[in-house]
Amino acid sequence: MSLPIRSWLFVPGDSERKLAKGRDSGADALILDLEDSVAPARKPAAREMVPDYLRAHAERRPQLWVRINPIDEGGLADAAAVVRAAPDGLVVPKVNGPDDLLRVSHWLDALEARDGLPPGRIRLLAVATETAAAVLRLPEYARTPVPRLAALTWGQEDLPAAIGATGNLDASGGFALTYRYARSACLLAAVAAGAQPVDTLEQDFRDDAALRLACTAARREGFTGKIAIHPAQVAAINEGFRPTAEEVAFARRVVDAFAANPGIGTVGMEGRMLDMPHLRQAQRVLAADAAFGGHGMPSA
């Protein structure tokens, strides 16, 4: 499995200044936006600027993805404009289920052939909880394969509007039950589909402490990355979705314990009985630590 993308930074596709700033942010991936962050009058300009940006940064780091408009609101025209510049993937908003993604995938089959790109090169990130129907259909991702599907994420703003709610928070200030359910269902659907589960954004980009807590909680639950809406959020997200030094040290002890007892399915270590799931998790931690540069730091 390829390394998960930790930080997905949205950048308006019609702003040269913000595109340049995003590239220097340290994000694992930029999402060049043709949808909500671009005013309707500016969408034609963005549809020209984004392919130009993709071509100018063909040897890319970070990855460059493009959020198209919804399928029935200009999404095909967006895809036709940007595929020839070979983005790493498309972000598809307001998806009601895997059938919508298969429709986009069929577009991409034709567009990749048109532009001489390898079949299946362009991957998909679906925003999978923006309507009531989308939330109720999340289990279908486990039963309907979408070969291009790389990741699923959930949204906290469009769903309240879609269902007529006045907000998405409960009396304590946390997400209300409906949105907690959507979040958990998205996580499970992504994992069941073999895709990366990506947590939603934090609105207050100035609150670094809250963002770090959110990243810690999300990674603990199983999310492997998070949406960013400002370059200032990238560093906290990248750090929040990598193993800590304590986790790496424990994983090494687990791997060493099994290596010292070959052929045994369970071992005792530090007062705990460990079995194969513990070994696989330890191996994942070590692989992630190595891939991210081995910079996990001890807690203060």
C-alpha atoms as a PDB file:
ATOM      1  CA  MET A   1       0.000   0.000   0.000  1.00  0.00           C
ATOM      2  CA  SER A   2       1.266   3.469  -0.822  1.00  0.00           C
ATOM      3  CA  LEU A   3       2.024   5.894   1.968  1.00  0.00           C
ATOM      4  CA  PRO A   4      -1.075   7.784   3.175  1.00  0.00           C
ATOM      5  CA  ILE A   5      -1.345  11.473   2.410  1.00  0.00           C
ATOM      6  CA  ARG A   6      -1.436  13.213   5.782  1.00  0.00           C
ATOM      7  CA  SER A   7      -2.232  16.808   4.831  1.00  0.00           C
ATOM      8  CA  TRP A   8      -4.616  17.769   2.010  1.00  0.00           C
ATOM      9  CA  LEU A   9      -4.479  21.566   1.592  1.00  0.00           C
ATOM     10  CA  PHE A  10      -7.254  23.325  -0.305  1.00  0.00           C
ATOM     11  CA  VAL A  11      -6.054  26.148  -2.560  1.00  0.00           C
ATOM     12  CA  PRO A  12      -8.385  28.330  -4.664  1.00  0.00           C
ATOM     13  CA  GLY A  13      -7.706  27.541  -8.298  1.00  0.00           C
ATOM     14  CA  ASP A  14      -8.057  31.154  -9.399  1.00  0.00           C
ATOM     15  CA  SER A  15      -5.414  32.706  -7.115  1.00  0.00           C
ATOM     16  CA  GLU A  16      -1.796  32.717  -8.296  1.00  0.00           C
ATOM     17  CA  ARG A  17      -0.661  34.047  -4.913  1.00  0.00           C
ATOM     18  CA  LYS A  18      -2.369  31.283  -2.950  1.00  0.00           C
ATOM     19  CA  LEU A  19      -1.216  28.608  -5.378  1.00  0.00           C
ATOM     20  CA  ALA A  20       2.378  29.715  -4.836  1.00  0.00           C
ATOM     21  CA  LYS A  21       1.924  29.868  -1.075  1.00  0.00           C
ATOM     22  CA  GLY A  22       0.351  26.413  -1.002  1.00  0.00           C
ATOM     23  CA  ARG A  23       3.296  24.863  -2.797  1.00  0.00           C
ATOM     24  CA  ASP A  24       5.640  26.118  -0.079  1.00  0.00           C
ATOM     25  CA  SER A  25       3.402  24.950   2.778  1.00  0.00           C
ATOM     26  CA  GLY A  26       4.883  21.476   3.261  1.00  0.00           C
ATOM     27  CA  ALA A  27       1.535  19.788   2.547  1.00  0.00           C
ATOM     28  CA  ASP A  28       1.619  16.237   1.241  1.00  0.00           C
ATOM     29  CA  ALA A  29      -1.046  17.164  -1.328  1.00  0.00           C
ATOM     30  CA  LEU A  30      -2.610  20.337  -2.667  1.00  0.00           C
ATOM     31  CA  ILE A  31      -6.246  20.333  -3.737  1.00  0.00           C
ATOM     32  CA  LEU A  32      -6.550  22.920  -6.496  1.00  0.00           C
ATOM     33  CA  ASP A  33     -10.147  23.996  -6.078  1.00  0.00           C
ATOM     34  CA  LEU A  34     -12.603  24.700  -8.876  1.00  0.00           C
ATOM     35  CA  GLU A  35     -15.664  24.510  -6.618  1.00  0.00           C
ATOM     36  CA  ASP A  36     -16.665  26.369  -3.453  1.00  0.00           C
ATOM     37  CA  SER A  37     -13.655  28.662  -3.002  1.00  0.00           C
ATOM     38  CA  VAL A  38     -14.017  30.050  -6.531  1.00  0.00           C
ATOM     39  CA  ALA A  39     -16.746  32.613  -7.258  1.00  0.00           C
ATOM     40  CA  PRO A  40     -19.046  31.642 -10.168  1.00  0.00           C
ATOM     41  CA  ALA A  41     -17.745  34.481 -12.321  1.00  0.00           C
ATOM     42  CA  ARG A  42     -14.166  33.269 -11.788  1.00  0.00           C
ATOM     43  CA  LYS A  43     -14.731  29.589 -12.604  1.00  0.00           C
ATOM     44  CA  PRO A  44     -13.806  29.886 -16.310  1.00  0.00           C
ATOM     45  CA  ALA A  45     -10.542  31.581 -15.350  1.00  0.00           C
ATOM     46  CA  ALA A  46      -9.805  28.906 -12.727  1.00  0.00           C
ATOM     47  CA  ARG A  47     -10.490  26.184 -15.292  1.00  0.00           C
ATOM     48  CA  GLU A  48      -7.655  27.651 -17.383  1.00  0.00           C
ATOM     49  CA  MET A  49      -5.279  28.475 -14.516  1.00  0.00           C
ATOM     50  CA  VAL A  50      -5.340  25.047 -12.885  1.00  0.00           C
ATOM     51  CA  PRO A  51      -4.139  23.084 -15.956  1.00  0.00           C
ATOM     52  CA  ASP A  52      -1.437  25.708 -16.496  1.00  0.00           C
ATOM     53  CA  TYR A  53      -0.299  25.229 -12.892  1.00  0.00           C
ATOM     54  CA  LEU A  54      -0.302  21.430 -13.273  1.00  0.00           C
ATOM     55  CA  ARG A  55       1.818  21.604 -16.416  1.00  0.00           C
ATOM     56  CA  ALA A  56       4.243  24.036 -14.779  1.00  0.00           C
ATOM     57  CA  HIS A  57       4.786  21.623 -11.877  1.00  0.00           C
ATOM     58  CA  ALA A  58       4.871  18.299 -13.702  1.00  0.00           C
ATOM     59  CA  GLU A  59       7.692  16.996 -11.482  1.00  0.00           C
ATOM     60  CA  ARG A  60       5.626  17.419  -8.428  1.00  0.00           C
ATOM     61  CA  ARG A  61       6.027  17.365  -4.730  1.00  0.00           C
ATOM     62  CA  PRO A  62       3.510  17.781  -3.213  1.00  0.00           C
ATOM     63  CA  GLN A  63       0.920  15.745  -5.062  1.00  0.00           C
ATOM     64  CA  LEU A  64      -1.533  17.894  -7.005  1.00  0.00           C
ATOM     65  CA  TRP A  65      -5.229  17.038  -6.955  1.00  0.00           C
ATOM     66  CA  VAL A  66      -8.152  19.018  -8.376  1.00  0.00           C
ATOM     67  CA  ARG A  67     -11.586  19.442  -6.802  1.00  0.00           C
ATOM     68  CA  ILE A  68     -14.077  19.556  -9.644  1.00  0.00           C
ATOM     69  CA  ASN A  69     -17.606  20.881  -9.355  1.00  0.00           C
ATOM     70  CA  PRO A  70     -20.428  18.408  -8.633  1.00  0.00           C
ATOM     71  CA  ILE A  71     -21.119  15.861 -11.334  1.00  0.00           C
ATOM     72  CA  ASP A  72     -24.240  17.585 -12.654  1.00  0.00           C
ATOM     73  CA  GLU A  73     -22.964  21.130 -12.125  1.00  0.00           C
ATOM     74  CA  GLY A  74     -19.983  21.355 -14.446  1.00  0.00           C
ATOM     75  CA  GLY A  75     -17.927  18.439 -13.158  1.00  0.00           C
ATOM     76  CA  LEU A  76     -17.462  16.855 -16.586  1.00  0.00           C
ATOM     77  CA  ALA A  77     -16.265  20.119 -18.128  1.00  0.00           C
ATOM     78  CA  ASP A  78     -13.816  20.544 -15.238  1.00  0.00           C
ATOM     79  CA  ALA A  79     -12.484  17.021 -15.681  1.00  0.00           C
ATOM     80  CA  ALA A  80     -12.127  17.455 -19.437  1.00  0.00           C
ATOM     81  CA  ALA A  81     -10.118  20.641 -18.878  1.00  0.00           C
ATOM     82  CA  VAL A  82      -7.691  19.348 -16.247  1.00  0.00           C
ATOM     83  CA  VAL A  83      -7.082  15.697 -17.165  1.00  0.00           C
ATOM     84  CA  ARG A  84      -4.909  16.665 -20.142  1.00  0.00           C
ATOM     85  CA  ALA A  85      -2.523  18.252 -17.593  1.00  0.00           C
ATOM     86  CA  ALA A  86      -2.305  14.952 -15.648  1.00  0.00           C
ATOM     87  CA  PRO A  87      -3.281  15.723 -12.034  1.00  0.00           C
ATOM     88  CA  ASP A  88      -2.604  13.040  -9.459  1.00  0.00           C
ATOM     89  CA  GLY A  89      -6.307  12.796  -8.733  1.00  0.00           C
ATOM     90  CA  LEU A  90      -9.719  14.419  -8.673  1.00  0.00           C
ATOM     91  CA  VAL A  91     -11.677  15.360  -5.576  1.00  0.00           C
ATOM     92  CA  VAL A  92     -15.362  14.746  -6.267  1.00  0.00           C
ATOM     93  CA  PRO A  93     -17.845  16.683  -4.086  1.00  0.00           C
ATOM     94  CA  LYS A  94     -21.457  15.874  -3.227  1.00  0.00           C
ATOM     95  CA  VAL A  95     -21.105  12.200  -4.086  1.00  0.00           C
ATOM     96  CA  ASN A  96     -24.238  10.182  -3.307  1.00  0.00           C
ATOM     97  CA  GLY A  97     -22.572   6.771  -3.484  1.00  0.00           C
ATOM     98  CA  PRO A  98     -20.125   4.594  -5.410  1.00  0.00           C
ATOM     99  CA  ASP A  99     -22.304   4.740  -8.547  1.00  0.00           C
ATOM    100  CA  ASP A 100     -21.442   8.435  -8.857  1.00  0.00           C
ATOM    101  CA  LEU A 101     -17.737   7.635  -8.629  1.00  0.00           C
ATOM    102  CA  LEU A 102     -18.045   4.899 -11.241  1.00  0.00           C
ATOM    103  CA  ARG A 103     -19.633   7.501 -13.518  1.00  0.00           C
ATOM    104  CA  VAL A 104     -16.639   9.792 -13.010  1.00  0.00           C
ATOM    105  CA  SER A 105     -14.336   6.822 -13.540  1.00  0.00           C
ATOM    106  CA  HIS A 106     -15.941   6.183 -16.928  1.00  0.00           C
ATOM    107  CA  TRP A 107     -15.261   9.810 -17.855  1.00  0.00           C
ATOM    108  CA  LEU A 108     -11.652   9.327 -16.841  1.00  0.00           C
ATOM    109  CA  ASP A 109     -11.322   6.162 -18.922  1.00  0.00           C
ATOM    110  CA  ALA A 110     -12.201   8.202 -22.004  1.00  0.00           C
ATOM    111  CA  LEU A 111     -10.187  11.284 -21.041  1.00  0.00           C
ATOM    112  CA  GLU A 112      -7.038   9.303 -20.228  1.00  0.00           C
ATOM    113  CA  ALA A 113      -7.310   7.589 -23.621  1.00  0.00           C
ATOM    114  CA  ARG A 114      -7.805  10.986 -25.284  1.00  0.00           C
ATOM    115  CA  ASP A 115      -4.708  12.424 -23.640  1.00  0.00           C
ATOM    116  CA  GLY A 116      -2.413   9.410 -23.836  1.00  0.00           C
ATOM    117  CA  LEU A 117      -2.295   8.813 -20.086  1.00  0.00           C
ATOM    118  CA  PRO A 118      -1.934   5.319 -18.567  1.00  0.00           C
ATOM    119  CA  PRO A 119      -5.356   3.792 -17.822  1.00  0.00           C
ATOM    120  CA  GLY A 120      -6.345   4.279 -14.189  1.00  0.00           C
ATOM    121  CA  ARG A 121      -3.602   6.826 -13.522  1.00  0.00           C
ATOM    122  CA  ILE A 122      -5.912   9.451 -12.028  1.00  0.00           C
ATOM    123  CA  ARG A 123      -7.261   8.540  -8.590  1.00  0.00           C
ATOM    124  CA  LEU A 124     -10.369   9.746  -6.763  1.00  0.00           C
ATOM    125  CA  LEU A 125     -11.036  11.299  -3.365  1.00  0.00           C
ATOM    126  CA  ALA A 126     -14.767  11.423  -2.639  1.00  0.00           C
ATOM    127  CA  VAL A 127     -16.467  13.834  -0.259  1.00  0.00           C
ATOM    128  CA  ALA A 128     -18.962  11.222   0.819  1.00  0.00           C
ATOM    129  CA  THR A 129     -21.315  12.737   3.407  1.00  0.00           C
ATOM    130  CA  GLU A 130     -22.690  15.978   1.969  1.00  0.00           C
ATOM    131  CA  THR A 131     -26.290  14.757   1.519  1.00  0.00           C
ATOM    132  CA  ALA A 132     -28.587  12.548   3.569  1.00  0.00           C
ATOM    133  CA  ALA A 133     -28.613   9.939   0.801  1.00  0.00           C
ATOM    134  CA  ALA A 134     -24.816   9.922   0.730  1.00  0.00           C
ATOM    135  CA  VAL A 135     -24.584   9.113   4.433  1.00  0.00           C
ATOM    136  CA  LEU A 136     -27.159   6.327   4.206  1.00  0.00           C
ATOM    137  CA  ARG A 137     -25.332   4.779   1.248  1.00  0.00           C
ATOM    138  CA  LEU A 138     -21.870   4.669   2.823  1.00  0.00           C
ATOM    139  CA  PRO A 139     -22.051   0.876   3.401  1.00  0.00           C
ATOM    140  CA  GLU A 140     -22.254   0.391  -0.370  1.00  0.00           C
ATOM    141  CA  TYR A 141     -18.545   1.218  -0.725  1.00  0.00           C
ATOM    142  CA  ALA A 142     -17.768  -2.170   0.840  1.00  0.00           C
ATOM    143  CA  ARG A 143     -19.847  -3.945  -1.819  1.00  0.00           C
ATOM    144  CA  THR A 144     -19.232  -1.862  -4.949  1.00  0.00           C
ATOM    145  CA  PRO A 145     -15.551  -1.675  -5.912  1.00  0.00           C
ATOM    146  CA  VAL A 146     -14.309   1.597  -7.389  1.00  0.00           C
ATOM    147  CA  PRO A 147     -10.774   0.785  -8.576  1.00  0.00           C
ATOM    148  CA  ARG A 148      -9.733   4.441  -8.752  1.00  0.00           C
ATOM    149  CA  LEU A 149     -10.879   5.216  -5.202  1.00  0.00           C
ATOM    150  CA  ALA A 150      -7.943   6.433  -3.106  1.00  0.00           C
ATOM    151  CA  ALA A 151      -9.701   8.111  -0.191  1.00  0.00           C
ATOM    152  CA  LEU A 152     -12.996   9.089   1.392  1.00  0.00           C
ATOM    153  CA  THR A 153     -13.575  12.159   3.498  1.00  0.00           C
ATOM    154  CA  TRP A 154     -16.574  13.664   5.203  1.00  0.00           C
ATOM    155  CA  GLY A 155     -17.883  17.216   5.363  1.00  0.00           C
ATOM    156  CA  GLN A 156     -19.302  19.166   8.266  1.00  0.00           C
ATOM    157  CA  GLU A 157     -20.917  22.120   6.475  1.00  0.00           C
ATOM    158  CA  ASP A 158     -22.981  20.893   3.518  1.00  0.00           C
ATOM    159  CA  LEU A 159     -24.839  18.154   5.410  1.00  0.00           C
ATOM    160  CA  PRO A 160     -26.611  20.502   7.862  1.00  0.00           C
ATOM    161  CA  ALA A 161     -27.820  22.603   4.945  1.00  0.00           C
ATOM    162  CA  ALA A 162     -28.928  19.506   3.054  1.00  0.00           C
ATOM    163  CA  ILE A 163     -31.067  18.189   5.914  1.00  0.00           C
ATOM    164  CA  GLY A 164     -32.398  21.545   7.112  1.00  0.00           C
ATOM    165  CA  ALA A 165     -30.469  21.686  10.386  1.00  0.00           C
ATOM    166  CA  THR A 166     -29.595  24.995  12.010  1.00  0.00           C
ATOM    167  CA  GLY A 167     -26.122  23.787  12.979  1.00  0.00           C
ATOM    168  CA  ASN A 168     -23.900  20.760  13.419  1.00  0.00           C
ATOM    169  CA  LEU A 169     -22.937  21.107  17.094  1.00  0.00           C
ATOM    170  CA  ASP A 170     -24.591  19.888  20.282  1.00  0.00           C
ATOM    171  CA  ALA A 171     -24.983  21.770  23.554  1.00  0.00           C
ATOM    172  CA  SER A 172     -21.456  20.799  24.671  1.00  0.00           C
ATOM    173  CA  GLY A 173     -19.863  22.296  21.562  1.00  0.00           C
ATOM    174  CA  GLY A 174     -18.974  18.957  19.969  1.00  0.00           C
ATOM    175  CA  PHE A 175     -20.480  17.485  16.849  1.00  0.00           C
ATOM    176  CA  ALA A 176     -24.125  16.456  17.224  1.00  0.00           C
ATOM    177  CA  LEU A 177     -25.026  12.778  16.892  1.00  0.00           C
ATOM    178  CA  THR A 178     -25.887  12.956  13.188  1.00  0.00           C
ATOM    179  CA  TYR A 179     -22.425  14.265  12.307  1.00  0.00           C
ATOM    180  CA  ARG A 180     -20.615  11.885  14.647  1.00  0.00           C
ATOM    181  CA  TYR A 181     -22.470   9.087  12.909  1.00  0.00           C
ATOM    182  CA  ALA A 182     -21.521  10.405   9.455  1.00  0.00           C
ATOM    183  CA  ARG A 183     -17.889  10.666  10.524  1.00  0.00           C
ATOM    184  CA  SER A 184     -17.724   7.132  11.915  1.00  0.00           C
ATOM    185  CA  ALA A 185     -19.584   5.674   8.942  1.00  0.00           C
ATOM    186  CA  CYS A 186     -17.170   7.400   6.564  1.00  0.00           C
ATOM    187  CA  LEU A 187     -14.188   5.968   8.441  1.00  0.00           C
ATOM    188  CA  LEU A 188     -15.586   2.443   8.287  1.00  0.00           C
ATOM    189  CA  ALA A 189     -16.630   2.762   4.641  1.00  0.00           C
ATOM    190  CA  ALA A 190     -13.158   3.916   3.619  1.00  0.00           C
ATOM    191  CA  VAL A 191     -11.391   1.090   5.412  1.00  0.00           C
ATOM    192  CA  ALA A 192     -13.869  -1.487   4.066  1.00  0.00           C
ATOM    193  CA  ALA A 193     -13.245  -0.192   0.539  1.00  0.00           C
ATOM    194  CA  GLY A 194      -9.459  -0.285   0.945  1.00  0.00           C
ATOM    195  CA  ALA A 195      -9.261   3.512   0.750  1.00  0.00           C
ATOM    196  CA  GLN A 196      -7.656   6.126   2.983  1.00  0.00           C
ATOM    197  CA  PRO A 197      -9.994   7.654   5.609  1.00  0.00           C
ATOM    198  CA  VAL A 198      -9.426  11.418   5.718  1.00  0.00           C
ATOM    199  CA  ASP A 199     -10.797  13.562   8.537  1.00  0.00           C
ATOM    200  CA  THR A 200     -12.548  16.837   7.850  1.00  0.00           C
ATOM    201  CA  LEU A 201     -11.163  20.323   8.315  1.00  0.00           C
ATOM    202  CA  GLU A 202     -10.924  22.505  11.408  1.00  0.00           C
ATOM    203  CA  GLN A 203     -12.539  25.875  10.717  1.00  0.00           C
ATOM    204  CA  ASP A 204     -10.394  28.066  13.003  1.00  0.00           C
ATOM    205  CA  PHE A 205      -6.985  27.934  11.350  1.00  0.00           C
ATOM    206  CA  ARG A 206      -5.539  30.136  14.120  1.00  0.00           C
ATOM    207  CA  ASP A 207      -6.237  27.588  16.899  1.00  0.00           C
ATOM    208  CA  ASP A 208      -3.168  25.383  16.672  1.00  0.00           C
ATOM    209  CA  ALA A 209      -3.789  23.677  20.014  1.00  0.00           C
ATOM    210  CA  ALA A 210      -7.300  22.585  19.024  1.00  0.00           C
ATOM    211  CA  LEU A 211      -6.019  21.342  15.680  1.00  0.00           C
ATOM    212  CA  ARG A 212      -3.317  19.226  17.323  1.00  0.00           C
ATOM    213  CA  LEU A 213      -5.864  17.683  19.687  1.00  0.00           C
ATOM    214  CA  ALA A 214      -8.160  16.947  16.749  1.00  0.00           C
ATOM    215  CA  CYS A 215      -5.339  15.278  14.818  1.00  0.00           C
ATOM    216  CA  THR A 216      -4.372  13.129  17.796  1.00  0.00           C
ATOM    217  CA  ALA A 217      -7.968  12.022  18.293  1.00  0.00           C
ATOM    218  CA  ALA A 218      -8.512  11.342  14.594  1.00  0.00           C
ATOM    219  CA  ARG A 219      -5.362   9.224  14.235  1.00  0.00           C
ATOM    220  CA  ARG A 220      -6.247   7.303  17.388  1.00  0.00           C
ATOM    221  CA  GLU A 221      -9.623   6.428  15.845  1.00  0.00           C
ATOM    222  CA  GLY A 222      -8.105   5.284  12.539  1.00  0.00           C
ATOM    223  CA  PHE A 223      -8.042   8.306  10.247  1.00  0.00           C
ATOM    224  CA  THR A 224      -4.783   8.643   8.346  1.00  0.00           C
ATOM    225  CA  GLY A 225      -4.960  12.253   7.167  1.00  0.00           C
ATOM    226  CA  LYS A 226      -6.855  15.517   7.445  1.00  0.00           C
ATOM    227  CA  ILE A 227      -8.111  18.369   5.284  1.00  0.00           C
ATOM    228  CA  ALA A 228      -6.427  21.771   5.711  1.00  0.00           C
ATOM    229  CA  ILE A 229      -7.869  25.109   4.657  1.00  0.00           C
ATOM    230  CA  HIS A 230      -4.826  27.270   5.447  1.00  0.00           C
ATOM    231  CA  PRO A 231      -1.055  26.708   5.120  1.00  0.00           C
ATOM    232  CA  ALA A 232      -0.703  27.439   8.854  1.00  0.00           C
ATOM    233  CA  GLN A 233      -2.463  24.123   9.577  1.00  0.00           C
ATOM    234  CA  VAL A 234      -0.131  21.899   7.593  1.00  0.00           C
ATOM    235  CA  ALA A 235       2.710  21.425  10.093  1.00  0.00           C
ATOM    236  CA  ALA A 236       0.369  20.340  12.900  1.00  0.00           C
ATOM    237  CA  ILE A 237      -1.419  17.888  10.623  1.00  0.00           C
ATOM    238  CA  ASN A 238       1.800  16.363   9.297  1.00  0.00           C
ATOM    239  CA  GLU A 239       3.103  15.904  12.825  1.00  0.00           C
ATOM    240  CA  GLY A 240      -0.244  14.657  14.118  1.00  0.00           C
ATOM    241  CA  PHE A 241      -0.468  11.819  11.582  1.00  0.00           C
ATOM    242  CA  ARG A 242       2.958  10.316  12.092  1.00  0.00           C
ATOM    243  CA  PRO A 243       4.011   7.878  14.814  1.00  0.00           C
ATOM    244  CA  THR A 244       5.443   9.339  18.006  1.00  0.00           C
ATOM    245  CA  ALA A 245       8.816   8.238  19.357  1.00  0.00           C
ATOM    246  CA  GLU A 246       7.039   6.291  22.120  1.00  0.00           C
ATOM    247  CA  GLU A 247       4.905   4.429  19.594  1.00  0.00           C
ATOM    248  CA  VAL A 248       7.947   3.622  17.476  1.00  0.00           C
ATOM    249  CA  ALA A 249       9.906   2.342  20.473  1.00  0.00           C
ATOM    250  CA  PHE A 250       6.998   0.124  21.558  1.00  0.00           C
ATOM    251  CA  ALA A 251       6.561  -1.193  18.006  1.00  0.00           C
ATOM    252  CA  ARG A 252      10.236  -2.130  17.868  1.00  0.00           C
ATOM    253  CA  ARG A 253       9.903  -4.054  21.127  1.00  0.00           C
ATOM    254  CA  VAL A 254       6.870  -5.901  19.750  1.00  0.00           C
ATOM    255  CA  VAL A 255       8.665  -6.857  16.536  1.00  0.00           C
ATOM    256  CA  ASP A 256      11.751  -7.933  18.492  1.00  0.00           C
ATOM    257  CA  ALA A 257       9.630 -10.048  20.847  1.00  0.00           C
ATOM    258  CA  PHE A 258       8.108 -11.987  17.967  1.00  0.00           C
ATOM    259  CA  ALA A 259      11.471 -12.300  16.239  1.00  0.00           C
ATOM    260  CA  ALA A 260      12.893 -13.847  19.403  1.00  0.00           C
ATOM    261  CA  ASN A 261      10.094 -16.430  19.415  1.00  0.00           C
ATOM    262  CA  PRO A 262       9.761 -17.640  15.802  1.00  0.00           C
ATOM    263  CA  GLY A 263       6.796 -19.817  14.952  1.00  0.00           C
ATOM    264  CA  ILE A 264       4.762 -18.688  17.985  1.00  0.00           C
ATOM    265  CA  GLY A 265       1.466 -16.877  17.490  1.00  0.00           C
ATOM    266  CA  THR A 266       1.371 -15.132  20.869  1.00  0.00           C
ATOM    267  CA  VAL A 267       4.097 -13.712  23.079  1.00  0.00           C
ATOM    268  CA  GLY A 268       4.143 -12.128  26.498  1.00  0.00           C
ATOM    269  CA  MET A 269       5.691  -8.682  26.786  1.00  0.00           C
ATOM    270  CA  GLU A 270       5.597  -6.167  29.613  1.00  0.00           C
ATOM    271  CA  GLY A 271       2.684  -7.910  31.297  1.00  0.00           C
ATOM    272  CA  ARG A 272       0.600  -8.145  28.107  1.00  0.00           C
ATOM    273  CA  MET A 273      -0.222 -11.008  25.761  1.00  0.00           C
ATOM    274  CA  LEU A 274       0.350  -9.989  22.151  1.00  0.00           C
ATOM    275  CA  ASP A 275      -0.784 -11.798  19.009  1.00  0.00           C
ATOM    276  CA  MET A 276      -0.620 -11.363  15.238  1.00  0.00           C
ATOM    277  CA  PRO A 277      -2.765  -8.184  15.031  1.00  0.00           C
ATOM    278  CA  HIS A 278      -0.329  -6.524  17.455  1.00  0.00           C
ATOM    279  CA  LEU A 279       2.594  -7.571  15.259  1.00  0.00           C
ATOM    280  CA  ARG A 280       0.948  -6.261  12.083  1.00  0.00           C
ATOM    281  CA  GLN A 281       0.168  -2.947  13.763  1.00  0.00           C
ATOM    282  CA  ALA A 282       3.759  -2.668  15.013  1.00  0.00           C
ATOM    283  CA  GLN A 283       5.058  -3.324  11.509  1.00  0.00           C
ATOM    284  CA  ARG A 284       2.771  -0.599  10.119  1.00  0.00           C
ATOM    285  CA  VAL A 285       4.061   1.869  12.714  1.00  0.00           C
ATOM    286  CA  LEU A 286       7.677   1.145  11.836  1.00  0.00           C
ATOM    287  CA  ALA A 287       6.991   1.389   8.112  1.00  0.00           C
ATOM    288  CA  ALA A 288       5.256   4.743   8.554  1.00  0.00           C
ATOM    289  CA  ASP A 289       8.054   6.052  10.766  1.00  0.00           C
ATOM    290  CA  ALA A 290      10.661   5.103   8.188  1.00  0.00           C
ATOM    291  CA  ALA A 291       8.660   6.606   5.330  1.00  0.00           C
ATOM    292  CA  PHE A 292       8.124   9.910   7.145  1.00  0.00           C
ATOM    293  CA  GLY A 293      11.802  10.241   7.966  1.00  0.00           C
ATOM    294  CA  GLY A 294      11.952   8.683  11.430  1.00  0.00           C
ATOM    295  CA  HIS A 295      11.363  11.999  13.167  1.00  0.00           C
ATOM    296  CA  GLY A 296       8.830  10.968  15.810  1.00  0.00           C
ATOM    297  CA  MET A 297       9.633  12.923  18.947  1.00  0.00           C
ATOM    298  CA  PRO A 298       9.023  12.026  22.592  1.00  0.00           C
ATOM    299  CA  SER A 299       6.293  13.834  24.422  1.00  0.00           C
ATOM    300  CA  ALA A 300       7.420  16.746  26.565  1.00  0.00           C
END
